[in-house]
C-alpha atoms as a PDB file:
ATOM      1  CA  GLY A   1    -291.779 -77.899 -24.124  1.00  0.00           C
ATOM      2  CA  ARG A   2    -290.143 -78.715 -27.668  1.00  0.00           C
ATOM      3  CA  VAL A   3    -287.458 -81.083 -28.466  1.00  0.00           C
ATOM      4  CA  PRO A   4    -284.323 -79.282 -29.811  1.00  0.00           C
ATOM      5  CA  PHE A   5    -283.695 -79.818 -33.501  1.00  0.00           C
ATOM      6  CA  PRO A   6    -280.262 -81.620 -32.688  1.00  0.00           C
ATOM      7  CA  VAL A   7    -281.552 -84.144 -30.527  1.00  0.00           C
ATOM      8  CA  GLN A   8    -284.356 -84.923 -32.859  1.00  0.00           C
ATOM      9  CA  MET A   9    -282.150 -85.460 -35.801  1.00  0.00           C
ATOM     10  CA  ALA A  10    -279.924 -87.594 -33.169  1.00  0.00           C
ATOM     11  CA  ALA A  11    -282.722 -89.656 -32.754  1.00  0.00           C
ATOM     12  CA  ALA A  12    -283.998 -90.075 -36.110  1.00  0.00           C
ATOM     13  CA  SER A  13    -280.357 -90.930 -36.978  1.00  0.00           C
ATOM     14  CA  LEU A  14    -280.342 -93.551 -34.397  1.00  0.00           C
ATOM     15  CA  ALA A  15    -283.634 -94.476 -35.209  1.00  0.00           C
ATOM     16  CA  LEU A  16    -282.779 -95.429 -39.035  1.00  0.00           C
ATOM     17  CA  ILE A  17    -279.256 -97.317 -37.759  1.00  0.00           C
ATOM     18  CA  LEU A  18    -281.512 -99.163 -35.465  1.00  0.00           C
ATOM     19  CA  LEU A  19    -284.320-100.452 -38.248  1.00  0.00           C
ATOM     20  CA  GLY A  20    -281.152-101.173 -40.802  1.00  0.00           C
ATOM     21  CA  ALA A  21    -279.922-103.626 -38.312  1.00  0.00           C
ATOM     22  CA  LEU A  22    -282.989-105.011 -37.579  1.00  0.00           C
ATOM     23  CA  LEU A  23    -284.152-105.263 -41.797  1.00  0.00           C
ATOM     24  CA  SER A  24    -280.611-106.147 -42.949  1.00  0.00           C
ATOM     25  CA  PRO A  25    -280.803-109.720 -42.536  1.00  0.00           C
ATOM     26  CA  LEU A  26    -284.219-109.763 -44.647  1.00  0.00           C
ATOM     27  CA  ASN A  27    -282.160-108.256 -47.654  1.00  0.00           C
ATOM     28  CA  ARG A  28    -279.543-111.062 -47.641  1.00  0.00           C
ATOM     29  CA  PRO A  29    -281.485-113.605 -49.169  1.00  0.00           C
ATOM     30  CA  CYS A  30    -282.656-111.386 -51.964  1.00  0.00           C
ATOM     31  CA  GLU A  31    -279.048-110.480 -52.469  1.00  0.00           C
ATOM     32  CA  TRP A  32    -277.889-114.131 -53.130  1.00  0.00           C
ATOM     33  CA  ARG A  33    -281.201-114.445 -55.684  1.00  0.00           C
ATOM     34  CA  ALA A  34    -280.086-110.882 -57.394  1.00  0.00           C
ATOM     35  CA  ASP A  35    -276.522-112.546 -57.780  1.00  0.00           C
ATOM     36  CA  ARG A  36    -277.966-115.881 -58.583  1.00  0.00           C
ATOM     37  CA  GLU A  37    -280.232-114.195 -61.394  1.00  0.00           C
ATOM     38  CA  GLY A  38    -277.668-112.295 -62.467  1.00  0.00           C
ATOM     39  CA  ALA A  39    -275.034-114.651 -62.968  1.00  0.00           C
ATOM     40  CA  ALA A  40    -277.869-116.661 -65.193  1.00  0.00           C
ATOM     41  CA  LEU A  41    -278.948-113.664 -67.095  1.00  0.00           C
ATOM     42  CA  CYS A  42    -275.262-113.041 -68.219  1.00  0.00           C
ATOM     43  CA  GLY A  43    -274.668-116.379 -68.596  1.00  0.00           C
ATOM     44  CA  GLU A  44    -270.880-115.837 -66.961  1.00  0.00           C
ATOM     45  CA  PRO A  45    -270.526-116.406 -63.249  1.00  0.00           C
ATOM     46  CA  VAL A  46    -266.920-115.725 -63.412  1.00  0.00           C
ATOM     47  CA  ALA A  47    -267.215-112.456 -65.180  1.00  0.00           C
ATOM     48  CA  MET A  48    -269.642-111.224 -63.029  1.00  0.00           C
ATOM     49  CA  ALA A  49    -267.602-112.223 -59.854  1.00  0.00           C
ATOM     50  CA  ALA A  50    -264.767-110.345 -61.164  1.00  0.00           C
ATOM     51  CA  ALA A  51    -266.973-107.511 -61.486  1.00  0.00           C
ATOM     52  CA  LEU A  52    -268.137-107.736 -58.335  1.00  0.00           C
ATOM     53  CA  ALA A  53    -264.311-108.381 -57.120  1.00  0.00           C
ATOM     54  CA  SER A  54    -263.549-105.250 -59.107  1.00  0.00           C
ATOM     55  CA  ALA A  55    -266.319-102.953 -58.026  1.00  0.00           C
ATOM     56  CA  ASP A  56    -264.915-103.753 -54.336  1.00  0.00           C
ATOM     57  CA  GLN A  57    -261.424-103.125 -54.470  1.00  0.00           C
ATOM     58  CA  PHE A  58    -262.538 -99.806 -56.180  1.00  0.00           C
ATOM     59  CA  ILE A  59    -264.601 -98.562 -53.263  1.00  0.00           C
ATOM     60  CA  ARG A  60    -262.138-100.125 -50.438  1.00  0.00           C
ATOM     61  CA  GLN A  61    -259.534 -97.463 -52.695  1.00  0.00           C
ATOM     62  CA  ALA A  62    -261.721 -94.641 -52.626  1.00  0.00           C
ATOM     63  CA  ARG A  63    -262.552 -95.449 -48.694  1.00  0.00           C
ATOM     64  CA  ARG A  64    -258.809 -94.813 -48.212  1.00  0.00           C
ATOM     65  CA  ARG A  65    -258.217 -91.836 -50.439  1.00  0.00           C
ATOM     66  CA  LEU A  66    -260.586 -89.736 -48.326  1.00  0.00           C
ATOM     67  CA  PRO A  67    -259.376 -88.235 -45.000  1.00  0.00           C
ATOM     68  CA  PRO A  68    -261.087 -89.142 -42.107  1.00  0.00           C
ATOM     69  CA  PRO A  69    -263.898 -86.821 -41.285  1.00  0.00           C
ATOM     70  CA  TRP A  70    -264.597 -86.920 -45.284  1.00  0.00           C
ATOM     71  CA  ARG A  71    -265.077 -90.742 -44.693  1.00  0.00           C
ATOM     72  CA  TRP A  72    -267.520 -90.524 -42.257  1.00  0.00           C
ATOM     73  CA  LEU A  73    -269.649 -88.456 -44.150  1.00  0.00           C
ATOM     74  CA  VAL A  74    -269.558 -90.044 -47.592  1.00  0.00           C
ATOM     75  CA  PHE A  75    -269.238 -93.809 -46.396  1.00  0.00           C
ATOM     76  CA  PRO A  76    -271.100 -93.209 -42.873  1.00  0.00           C
ATOM     77  CA  LEU A  77    -272.008 -96.823 -41.493  1.00  0.00           C
ATOM     78  CA  SER A  78    -272.233 -98.735 -44.749  1.00  0.00           C
ATOM     79  CA  TRP A  79    -269.262-100.772 -43.626  1.00  0.00           C
ATOM     80  CA  ARG A  80    -270.425-101.393 -40.012  1.00  0.00           C
ATOM     81  CA  LEU A  81    -273.913-102.720 -40.631  1.00  0.00           C
ATOM     82  CA  PRO A  82    -273.836-104.757 -43.801  1.00  0.00           C
ATOM     83  CA  SER A  83    -277.162-105.135 -45.455  1.00  0.00           C
ATOM     84  CA  HIS A  84    -275.435-107.407 -48.208  1.00  0.00           C
ATOM     85  CA  PRO A  85    -273.821-110.068 -47.684  1.00  0.00           C
ATOM     86  CA  SER A  86    -269.664-109.716 -47.705  1.00  0.00           C
ATOM     87  CA  MET A  87    -268.405-109.225 -51.219  1.00  0.00           C
ATOM     88  CA  ARG A  88    -265.926-111.745 -50.724  1.00  0.00           C
ATOM     89  CA  ARG A  89    -268.827-114.402 -49.919  1.00  0.00           C
ATOM     90  CA  ARG A  90    -270.994-113.192 -53.174  1.00  0.00           C
ATOM     91  CA  VAL A  91    -267.423-113.766 -55.476  1.00  0.00           C
ATOM     92  CA  ALA A  92    -267.140-117.342 -53.707  1.00  0.00           C
ATOM     93  CA  ARG A  93    -270.787-118.533 -54.214  1.00  0.00           C
ATOM     94  CA  LEU A  94    -270.511-117.041 -57.577  1.00  0.00           C
ATOM     95  CA  GLU A  95    -267.350-119.236 -58.392  1.00  0.00           C
ATOM     96  CA  GLU A  96    -269.072-122.154 -56.781  1.00  0.00           C
ATOM     97  CA  LEU A  97    -272.457-121.742 -59.428  1.00  0.00           C
ATOM     98  CA  ALA A  98    -269.674-121.420 -62.102  1.00  0.00           C
ATOM     99  CA  ALA A  99    -268.117-124.711 -60.929  1.00  0.00           C
ATOM    100  CA  ALA A 100    -271.341-126.133 -60.656  1.00  0.00           C
ATOM    101  CA  ILE A 101    -272.300-125.211 -64.113  1.00  0.00           C
ATOM    102  CA  ARG A 102    -269.199-126.542 -65.351  1.00  0.00           C
ATOM    103  CA  THR A 103    -269.855-130.075 -63.830  1.00  0.00           C
ATOM    104  CA  GLY A 104    -273.096-130.208 -64.282  1.00  0.00           C
ATOM    105  CA  THR A 105    -273.998-130.468 -60.735  1.00  0.00           C
ATOM    106  CA  PRO A 106    -277.090-128.555 -58.924  1.00  0.00           C
ATOM    107  CA  ALA A 107    -275.980-125.736 -57.085  1.00  0.00           C
END
């Protein structure tokens, strides 16, 4: 027999979640590099850190405003299976980079 469509969708969703969980650790070094290169490009790591913190705050507020059924549709698993380093860690690293630039020490 044929596998029912809802079962196919559930299996595909589960496969995507598992694939994301397996590949997300590989993405984190790319994110660190992108943050570092972005800070070098704009020349202001502190400004970039502030922008990331502001974006994080906006996303958290948007999540809280949505009622639970919509919250699961709009932000399904992005906060449960992170593909990026946490925003707090990214901001902290950018602040460390800014301090290293000010003092002339390698970051």
